[in-house]
Amino acid sequence: MRRSTTTAAVASLATAGLLALGTIPAAAAAQPPDPLARHNVFRALGADDAAAAKRGGNHHSPAPGPKDPVTVAEGLAGPLSFAVGGRSTLYVGQAFSGALTVLAKGKDPIDLVSSPGTDIAAVAVDHGGLTWAESVFGEEGVLSAVVKHRTKRGVVSDRADLLAYELANNPDAGSTYGFQGLAPECAALVPPFLQSYTGLIDSHPYGAAIGRYGTYVADAGSNALLKIDYRGRVSTVAVLPGKTVQVTAEAAAALGIDACVVGADFILEPVPTDVEIGPDGKLYVTSLPGGPEDGSLGANGSLYRVNPQTGAVQLVATGFAGATGLAIAPNGTMYVAELFGGQVSAVSRYGTVTPFASLTEPAGLEWARGRLYVSTNVLTGPGSIVTLGGH
């Protein structure tokens, strides 16, 4: 979670750092900022290439990809989160326009929500209706983070106030992030928001999965996996572990930090981005921690397995360049969208990672009716959703 008093400055720093490292094309600077930038302010920090190669050692050489993608929706403004309902109807959260849009075959688009300045994410659908999250951010940080629900009859209600839960519980208050073990004279040369700190107040519901006993939410701000039961009660399932990286000379120079930090450990916030329920009943969560996600200084994205009863967290695979979306096929194959790697990777039940498809800025993923749905061009726009054949 971010220090609320530095949120605006930090977000600007994140964007500048991404452009300097070549992670985001310059054209994206003209677009509204990626909402995840609020939680990825340390992209210029990361492990060196050797360490990254070690972490990503389970990646195979590129495998034959699927058939050419088929575009099913286009002209979208930041489709970072979406869901696929009956008759292949799409429910798309357009993060940059504040719209939640229904796209049904043969019908005109319908905006269920139209609220510029509101971040629409964590979109999920089941037989009971539609779930999504609305978050509002200001210069001082998060102002509101509410999960909403719409019945099939069109009745909308607030399912849970996640910012209120964060204020009362702060799940990662016991987690430590930032620089570790700096000598006092070196620490004095480091900006305050990069120094060691514990989890702070923040909430940004980003991904959701609806289960038998409630809705699971990947909260990128609280660094936690949360559960909302059918009475609207919120609980913490698990807090994801931070990612420890070693600061390189290139990273220090990119952020304009004194060279005394080179070789020091930095713990990145985990930033969970999506959650799905696997065929085994376990929860699977993607994590896009701060640090450069283009692989130049280490690809730090990870995929975790979480026991919904005990909260035990197990690493499944790592080395992803911007793990923002997750989908799981009935046979257990998992698909991870690598936003800054320009690809979707397939992950076996045993954690073996294989490149599956090359796409521009893939973000959201859903598996439906034997096909993989992927949102693309989510930063530079215009965004689209395509389908791919599965394994």
Protein backbone atom coordinates (compact mmCIF):
# COMPACT_ATOMS: atom_id res chain seq x y z
CA MET A 1 0.00 0.00 0.00
CA ARG A 2 1.17 3.48 -0.75
CA ARG A 3 1.92 6.37 1.56
CA SER A 4 -1.21 8.44 0.90
CA THR A 5 0.57 11.79 1.09
CA THR A 6 2.87 10.90 -1.81
CA THR A 7 0.42 9.15 -4.11
CA ALA A 8 0.22 11.84 -6.79
CA ALA A 9 3.96 12.44 -6.93
CA VAL A 10 4.68 8.74 -6.89
CA ALA A 11 2.29 8.02 -9.76
CA SER A 12 4.05 10.65 -11.86
CA LEU A 13 7.40 9.14 -10.97
CA ALA A 14 6.16 5.72 -11.98
CA THR A 15 5.07 6.94 -15.41
CA ALA A 16 8.35 8.79 -15.96
CA GLY A 17 10.32 5.73 -14.94
CA LEU A 18 8.39 3.50 -17.32
CA LEU A 19 8.99 5.83 -20.24
CA ALA A 20 12.69 6.09 -19.44
CA LEU A 21 13.04 2.32 -19.33
CA GLY A 22 11.07 1.81 -22.51
CA THR A 23 8.41 -0.20 -20.70
CA ILE A 24 5.49 1.89 -21.93
CA PRO A 25 5.57 3.48 -25.39
CA ALA A 26 5.75 7.26 -25.38
CA ALA A 27 2.32 7.37 -27.01
CA ALA A 28 0.83 6.00 -23.81
CA ALA A 29 1.83 9.17 -21.98
CA ALA A 30 -1.05 10.93 -23.69
CA GLN A 31 -3.50 8.33 -22.39
CA PRO A 32 -4.96 8.31 -18.88
CA PRO A 33 -2.46 6.57 -16.56
CA ASP A 34 -2.72 2.86 -15.90
CA PRO A 35 -4.57 2.56 -12.58
CA LEU A 36 -1.96 0.01 -11.51
CA ALA A 37 0.68 2.73 -11.68
CA ARG A 38 -0.51 3.86 -8.27
CA HIS A 39 0.77 0.58 -6.89
CA ASN A 40 3.86 0.13 -9.06
CA VAL A 41 5.97 3.13 -8.22
CA PHE A 42 9.21 1.19 -8.00
CA ARG A 43 9.37 -0.06 -11.58
CA ALA A 44 12.93 1.23 -11.87
CA LEU A 45 14.02 -1.17 -9.13
CA GLY A 46 14.61 -4.84 -9.77
CA ALA A 47 16.99 -7.76 -9.94
CA ASP A 48 19.71 -7.97 -12.60
CA ASP A 49 19.37 -10.00 -15.77
CA ALA A 50 21.14 -13.01 -14.33
CA ALA A 51 18.76 -13.22 -11.41
CA ALA A 52 15.82 -12.69 -13.74
CA ALA A 53 16.99 -15.55 -15.93
CA LYS A 54 17.19 -17.76 -12.87
CA ARG A 55 13.68 -16.78 -11.76
CA GLY A 56 12.32 -17.29 -15.23
CA GLY A 57 14.11 -20.59 -15.78
CA ASN A 58 10.85 -22.48 -16.06
CA HIS A 59 9.98 -20.62 -19.27
CA HIS A 60 10.37 -22.63 -22.44
CA SER A 61 11.33 -21.31 -25.86
CA PRO A 62 8.35 -19.97 -27.79
CA ALA A 63 5.86 -22.68 -28.69
CA PRO A 64 3.62 -22.70 -31.73
CA GLY A 65 0.89 -20.19 -31.03
CA PRO A 66 -2.87 -20.52 -31.46
CA LYS A 67 -4.78 -19.53 -34.53
CA ASP A 68 -4.91 -15.85 -35.38
CA PRO A 69 -6.88 -13.87 -32.80
CA VAL A 70 -10.46 -12.97 -33.65
CA THR A 71 -11.59 -9.49 -32.60
CA VAL A 72 -14.93 -9.52 -30.78
CA ALA A 73 -14.92 -5.95 -29.42
CA GLU A 74 -12.96 -2.81 -30.21
CA GLY A 75 -12.82 0.93 -29.60
CA LEU A 76 -12.52 0.47 -25.83
CA ALA A 77 -10.88 2.83 -23.32
CA GLY A 78 -8.63 0.77 -21.09
CA PRO A 79 -10.43 -2.60 -20.94
CA LEU A 80 -8.34 -3.88 -18.05
CA SER A 81 -11.13 -6.02 -16.59
CA PHE A 82 -14.06 -7.80 -18.22
CA ALA A 83 -16.28 -10.84 -17.89
CA VAL A 84 -18.02 -13.16 -20.35
CA GLY A 85 -21.66 -13.98 -19.68
CA GLY A 86 -24.38 -15.99 -21.36
CA ARG A 87 -24.50 -15.98 -25.16
CA SER A 88 -20.92 -14.65 -25.11
CA THR A 89 -22.11 -11.26 -23.85
CA LEU A 90 -19.18 -9.13 -22.71
CA TYR A 91 -19.24 -6.96 -19.59
CA VAL A 92 -16.31 -4.59 -19.95
CA GLY A 93 -14.83 -2.29 -17.34
CA GLN A 94 -13.31 0.65 -19.22
CA ALA A 95 -10.86 2.02 -16.69
CA PHE A 96 -10.02 5.19 -18.61
CA SER A 97 -13.59 6.32 -19.27
CA GLY A 98 -15.28 5.17 -16.08
CA ALA A 99 -17.77 3.00 -17.96
CA LEU A 100 -19.09 -0.50 -17.41
CA THR A 101 -20.36 -1.54 -20.81
CA VAL A 102 -22.47 -4.47 -21.98
CA LEU A 103 -21.60 -5.74 -25.45
CA ALA A 104 -24.09 -8.29 -26.74
CA LYS A 105 -24.06 -9.78 -30.21
CA GLY A 106 -26.29 -7.91 -32.62
CA LYS A 107 -27.14 -5.17 -30.12
CA ASP A 108 -25.93 -1.66 -29.44
CA PRO A 109 -23.53 -1.20 -26.50
CA ILE A 110 -25.17 -0.31 -23.19
CA ASP A 111 -23.35 1.54 -20.42
CA LEU A 112 -24.55 0.21 -17.07
CA VAL A 113 -22.20 2.68 -15.41
CA SER A 114 -20.88 5.94 -16.85
CA SER A 115 -18.82 7.84 -14.32
CA PRO A 116 -15.71 9.59 -15.69
CA GLY A 117 -12.97 9.64 -13.10
CA THR A 118 -14.10 6.35 -11.58
CA ASP A 119 -11.96 3.25 -12.03
CA ILE A 120 -14.10 0.26 -13.04
CA ALA A 121 -12.45 -3.10 -12.34
CA ALA A 122 -12.93 -6.54 -10.75
CA VAL A 123 -15.72 -7.38 -13.20
CA ALA A 124 -17.24 -10.84 -12.70
CA VAL A 125 -20.48 -12.50 -13.73
CA ASP A 126 -22.39 -15.59 -12.65
CA HIS A 127 -25.95 -16.91 -12.69
CA GLY A 128 -26.90 -14.49 -9.92
CA GLY A 129 -25.91 -11.35 -11.74
CA LEU A 130 -22.98 -9.01 -12.27
CA THR A 131 -20.29 -7.90 -9.81
CA TRP A 132 -17.77 -5.09 -10.25
CA ALA A 133 -15.75 -2.57 -8.26
CA GLU A 134 -15.77 1.21 -8.43
CA SER A 135 -12.75 3.08 -7.07
CA VAL A 136 -12.11 6.81 -6.91
CA PHE A 137 -8.66 8.29 -6.33
CA GLY A 138 -7.54 11.79 -5.44
CA GLU A 139 -4.26 13.55 -4.85
CA GLU A 140 -4.12 12.14 -1.33
CA GLY A 141 -4.83 8.56 -2.37
CA VAL A 142 -7.91 6.36 -2.51
CA LEU A 143 -11.20 8.09 -1.72
CA SER A 144 -13.60 5.21 -2.28
CA ALA A 145 -13.44 1.50 -3.12
CA VAL A 146 -16.81 -0.23 -3.28
CA VAL A 147 -17.79 -3.59 -4.74
CA LYS A 148 -21.23 -3.48 -6.35
CA HIS A 149 -23.71 -6.07 -7.54
CA ARG A 150 -26.46 -5.98 -10.15
CA THR A 151 -29.16 -8.62 -10.23
CA LYS A 152 -30.63 -9.99 -13.42
CA ARG A 153 -33.60 -7.72 -12.79
CA GLY A 154 -31.32 -4.70 -12.85
CA VAL A 155 -31.31 -3.95 -9.12
CA VAL A 156 -27.94 -2.46 -8.12
CA SER A 157 -26.60 -2.51 -4.57
CA ASP A 158 -23.33 -2.01 -2.72
CA ARG A 159 -21.95 -5.43 -1.87
CA ALA A 160 -19.03 -4.26 0.29
CA ASP A 161 -17.00 -1.16 1.16
CA LEU A 162 -13.41 -2.34 0.84
CA LEU A 163 -11.88 0.98 1.84
CA ALA A 164 -13.82 0.82 5.11
CA TYR A 165 -12.51 -2.70 5.65
CA GLU A 166 -8.98 -1.51 4.88
CA LEU A 167 -9.24 1.35 7.35
CA ALA A 168 -10.44 -1.00 10.07
CA ASN A 169 -8.11 -3.93 9.39
CA ASN A 170 -5.16 -3.02 7.12
CA PRO A 171 -4.33 -6.66 6.25
CA ASP A 172 -0.67 -6.06 5.35
CA ALA A 173 0.14 -3.82 8.31
CA GLY A 174 2.67 -6.42 9.43
CA SER A 175 4.45 -6.61 6.06
CA THR A 176 7.64 -4.64 5.42
CA TYR A 177 8.52 -3.04 2.09
CA GLY A 178 11.12 -0.64 0.71
CA PHE A 179 14.88 -0.57 1.19
CA GLN A 180 16.26 -2.91 3.80
CA GLY A 181 19.46 -2.65 5.81
CA LEU A 182 20.78 0.65 4.47
CA ALA A 183 23.50 2.35 6.49
CA PRO A 184 22.17 5.52 8.16
CA GLU A 185 24.30 7.79 5.98
CA CYS A 186 22.94 6.09 2.84
CA ALA A 187 19.34 6.08 4.06
CA ALA A 188 19.61 9.85 4.53
CA LEU A 189 20.16 10.16 0.76
CA VAL A 190 17.09 8.11 -0.19
CA PRO A 191 13.65 9.70 -0.70
CA PRO A 192 11.40 8.99 2.30
CA PHE A 193 8.83 7.02 0.32
CA LEU A 194 11.50 4.52 -0.78
CA GLN A 195 12.78 3.83 2.70
CA SER A 196 11.60 0.88 4.79
CA TYR A 197 7.91 1.03 5.66
CA THR A 198 5.08 -1.26 6.64
CA GLY A 199 1.79 -1.74 4.85
CA LEU A 200 -0.27 1.43 4.73
CA ILE A 201 -3.87 2.29 4.03
CA ASP A 202 -4.85 1.71 0.41
CA SER A 203 -7.47 -0.22 -1.52
CA HIS A 204 -7.86 -0.92 -5.21
CA PRO A 205 -10.06 -3.94 -6.01
CA TYR A 206 -8.70 -5.11 -9.33
CA GLY A 207 -9.81 -8.69 -10.01
CA ALA A 208 -12.67 -10.85 -8.77
CA ALA A 209 -13.94 -14.42 -8.89
CA ILE A 210 -17.36 -15.58 -7.73
CA GLY A 211 -17.39 -18.83 -5.78
CA ARG A 212 -19.90 -20.98 -3.98
CA TYR A 213 -19.48 -19.18 -0.68
CA GLY A 214 -18.88 -15.64 -1.84
CA THR A 215 -16.78 -13.36 -4.01
CA TYR A 216 -13.00 -13.32 -3.87
CA VAL A 217 -11.29 -10.02 -4.65
CA ALA A 218 -7.66 -9.38 -5.57
CA ASP A 219 -7.07 -5.99 -3.94
CA ALA A 220 -4.03 -4.39 -5.55
CA GLY A 221 -3.97 -1.65 -2.93
CA SER A 222 -4.23 -3.71 0.22
CA ASN A 223 -1.88 -6.40 -1.17
CA ALA A 224 -4.41 -8.97 -0.03
CA LEU A 225 -6.87 -11.51 -1.29
CA LEU A 226 -10.25 -10.74 0.27
CA LYS A 227 -13.54 -12.60 0.53
CA ILE A 228 -17.00 -11.06 0.53
CA ASP A 229 -19.68 -13.49 1.70
CA TYR A 230 -23.28 -13.32 0.57
CA ARG A 231 -24.19 -11.18 3.57
CA GLY A 232 -21.61 -8.58 2.55
CA ARG A 233 -19.12 -9.45 5.29
CA VAL A 234 -15.47 -8.98 4.29
CA SER A 235 -12.58 -11.11 5.51
CA THR A 236 -8.92 -11.54 4.60
CA VAL A 237 -8.08 -14.83 2.93
CA ALA A 238 -4.35 -14.14 2.55
CA VAL A 239 -1.74 -11.40 2.27
CA LEU A 240 0.64 -12.08 -0.61
CA PRO A 241 4.39 -11.98 0.09
CA GLY A 242 6.48 -9.04 -1.05
CA LYS A 243 9.12 -9.53 -3.73
CA THR A 244 12.74 -9.00 -2.69
CA VAL A 245 15.03 -7.68 -5.42
CA GLN A 246 18.58 -6.40 -5.46
CA VAL A 247 19.04 -2.85 -6.70
CA THR A 248 21.33 -2.43 -9.70
CA ALA A 249 23.41 0.57 -10.71
CA GLU A 250 21.11 1.08 -13.70
CA ALA A 251 18.04 1.12 -11.50
CA ALA A 252 19.58 3.59 -9.06
CA ALA A 253 20.57 5.89 -11.91
CA ALA A 254 17.11 5.68 -13.50
CA LEU A 255 15.50 6.92 -10.30
CA GLY A 256 18.23 9.45 -9.57
CA ILE A 257 19.14 7.77 -6.28
CA ASP A 258 22.63 7.80 -4.80
CA ALA A 259 24.84 4.87 -5.83
CA CYS A 260 25.15 3.84 -2.18
CA VAL A 261 21.97 1.77 -2.66
CA VAL A 262 23.50 -0.47 -5.34
CA GLY A 263 23.41 -4.06 -4.14
CA ALA A 264 20.89 -3.31 -1.40
CA ASP A 265 17.71 -5.33 -0.99
CA PHE A 266 14.39 -3.73 -1.80
CA ILE A 267 11.09 -5.41 -0.98
CA LEU A 268 8.43 -4.66 -3.56
CA GLU A 269 4.75 -4.71 -2.68
CA PRO A 270 3.08 -7.79 -4.21
CA VAL A 271 0.10 -6.00 -5.86
CA PRO A 272 -2.38 -8.81 -6.62
CA THR A 273 -4.11 -8.21 -9.94
CA ASP A 274 -6.48 -11.10 -10.63
CA VAL A 275 -7.96 -14.18 -8.99
CA GLU A 276 -9.59 -17.31 -10.35
CA ILE A 277 -10.93 -20.51 -8.80
CA GLY A 278 -9.18 -23.61 -10.13
CA PRO A 279 -10.70 -27.04 -10.82
CA ASP A 280 -9.06 -28.16 -7.56
CA GLY A 281 -11.02 -25.59 -5.56
CA LYS A 282 -7.90 -23.57 -4.80
CA LEU A 283 -7.58 -19.86 -5.55
CA TYR A 284 -5.00 -18.71 -8.08
CA VAL A 285 -3.74 -15.14 -7.94
CA THR A 286 -1.48 -13.10 -10.21
CA SER A 287 0.92 -10.56 -8.74
CA LEU A 288 2.47 -7.58 -10.49
CA PRO A 289 4.96 -6.15 -7.99
CA GLY A 290 6.70 -2.84 -8.49
CA GLY A 291 9.89 -2.93 -10.51
CA PRO A 292 10.50 -2.90 -14.27
CA GLU A 293 8.17 -5.42 -15.87
CA ASP A 294 9.76 -5.41 -19.32
CA GLY A 295 12.47 -7.90 -18.36
CA SER A 296 15.33 -5.41 -18.72
CA LEU A 297 15.99 -5.51 -14.99
CA GLY A 298 14.02 -8.59 -14.10
CA ALA A 299 10.50 -9.82 -14.69
CA ASN A 300 9.00 -10.06 -11.23
CA GLY A 301 5.39 -11.02 -11.88
CA SER A 302 4.21 -14.21 -10.19
CA LEU A 303 1.36 -16.69 -9.96
CA TYR A 304 0.32 -18.02 -6.55
CA ARG A 305 -1.94 -20.80 -5.31
CA VAL A 306 -3.94 -19.96 -2.18
CA ASN A 307 -5.87 -22.34 0.05
CA PRO A 308 -9.22 -20.59 0.65
CA GLN A 309 -9.68 -22.34 4.00
CA THR A 310 -6.24 -21.86 5.56
CA GLY A 311 -4.87 -18.89 3.60
CA ALA A 312 -1.66 -20.81 2.85
CA VAL A 313 0.16 -19.25 -0.12
CA GLN A 314 2.30 -21.29 -2.53
CA LEU A 315 4.30 -19.97 -5.49
CA VAL A 316 3.29 -21.68 -8.74
CA ALA A 317 5.43 -19.78 -11.26
CA THR A 318 7.31 -16.51 -11.57
CA GLY A 319 9.29 -14.48 -14.09
CA PHE A 320 6.29 -12.82 -15.77
CA ALA A 321 6.67 -9.38 -17.33
CA GLY A 322 3.59 -7.67 -15.95
CA ALA A 323 1.16 -10.35 -14.75
CA THR A 324 -2.18 -8.53 -14.93
CA GLY A 325 -4.76 -11.13 -15.93
CA LEU A 326 -5.48 -14.80 -15.28
CA ALA A 327 -7.77 -17.44 -16.77
CA ILE A 328 -8.02 -21.16 -16.09
CA ALA A 329 -9.21 -23.79 -18.56
CA PRO A 330 -11.25 -26.81 -17.40
CA ASN A 331 -8.19 -29.06 -17.83
CA GLY A 332 -6.27 -26.97 -15.29
CA THR A 333 -4.09 -25.05 -17.74
CA MET A 334 -3.62 -21.50 -16.52
CA TYR A 335 -3.10 -18.49 -18.74
CA VAL A 336 -1.30 -15.34 -17.59
CA ALA A 337 -1.41 -12.02 -19.45
CA GLU A 338 2.01 -10.35 -19.46
CA LEU A 339 1.15 -6.71 -20.07
CA PHE A 340 4.74 -5.55 -20.49
CA GLY A 341 5.96 -8.75 -22.11
CA GLY A 342 3.48 -8.53 -24.96
CA GLN A 343 2.31 -12.09 -24.60
CA VAL A 344 0.01 -14.57 -22.92
CA SER A 345 1.76 -17.51 -21.28
CA ALA A 346 0.31 -20.93 -20.51
CA VAL A 347 1.13 -22.49 -17.14
CA SER A 348 0.68 -26.20 -16.50
CA ARG A 349 -0.63 -27.60 -13.23
CA TYR A 350 3.00 -28.30 -12.35
CA GLY A 351 4.17 -24.74 -12.93
CA THR A 352 5.78 -25.17 -16.34
CA VAL A 353 5.45 -21.93 -18.30
CA THR A 354 5.15 -21.84 -22.10
CA PRO A 355 4.58 -18.77 -24.28
CA PHE A 356 1.14 -19.14 -25.85
CA ALA A 357 0.40 -16.04 -27.93
CA SER A 358 2.05 -12.73 -28.76
CA LEU A 359 -0.31 -9.76 -28.38
CA THR A 360 -0.02 -6.02 -27.87
CA GLU A 361 -0.52 -4.98 -24.23
CA PRO A 362 -2.64 -7.93 -23.10
CA ALA A 363 -4.31 -7.39 -19.73
CA GLY A 364 -7.63 -9.04 -18.91
CA LEU A 365 -8.21 -12.75 -19.50
CA GLU A 366 -11.28 -14.96 -19.35
CA TRP A 367 -11.93 -18.56 -20.38
CA ALA A 368 -15.40 -19.22 -21.80
CA ARG A 369 -16.91 -21.75 -24.19
CA GLY A 370 -13.61 -23.34 -25.12
CA ARG A 371 -11.94 -20.06 -25.99
CA LEU A 372 -9.58 -17.65 -24.32
CA TYR A 373 -10.74 -14.03 -24.30
CA VAL A 374 -7.99 -11.39 -24.04
CA SER A 375 -8.15 -7.61 -23.80
CA THR A 376 -5.38 -5.92 -25.78
CA ASN A 377 -3.99 -2.44 -26.51
CA VAL A 378 -5.16 -1.46 -23.06
CA LEU A 379 -2.67 1.39 -22.52
CA THR A 380 -2.05 2.97 -25.90
CA GLY A 381 -5.55 2.27 -27.20
CA PRO A 382 -7.97 1.90 -28.68
CA GLY A 383 -8.51 -1.22 -26.64
CA SER A 384 -9.99 -4.41 -27.98
CA ILE A 385 -10.99 -7.90 -26.90
CA VAL A 386 -9.96 -10.90 -28.97
CA THR A 387 -10.50 -14.64 -28.72
CA LEU A 388 -7.90 -17.38 -29.06
CA GLY A 389 -8.17 -21.14 -29.28
CA GLY A 390 -7.03 -22.93 -26.10
CA HIS A 391 -4.72 -25.86 -25.49
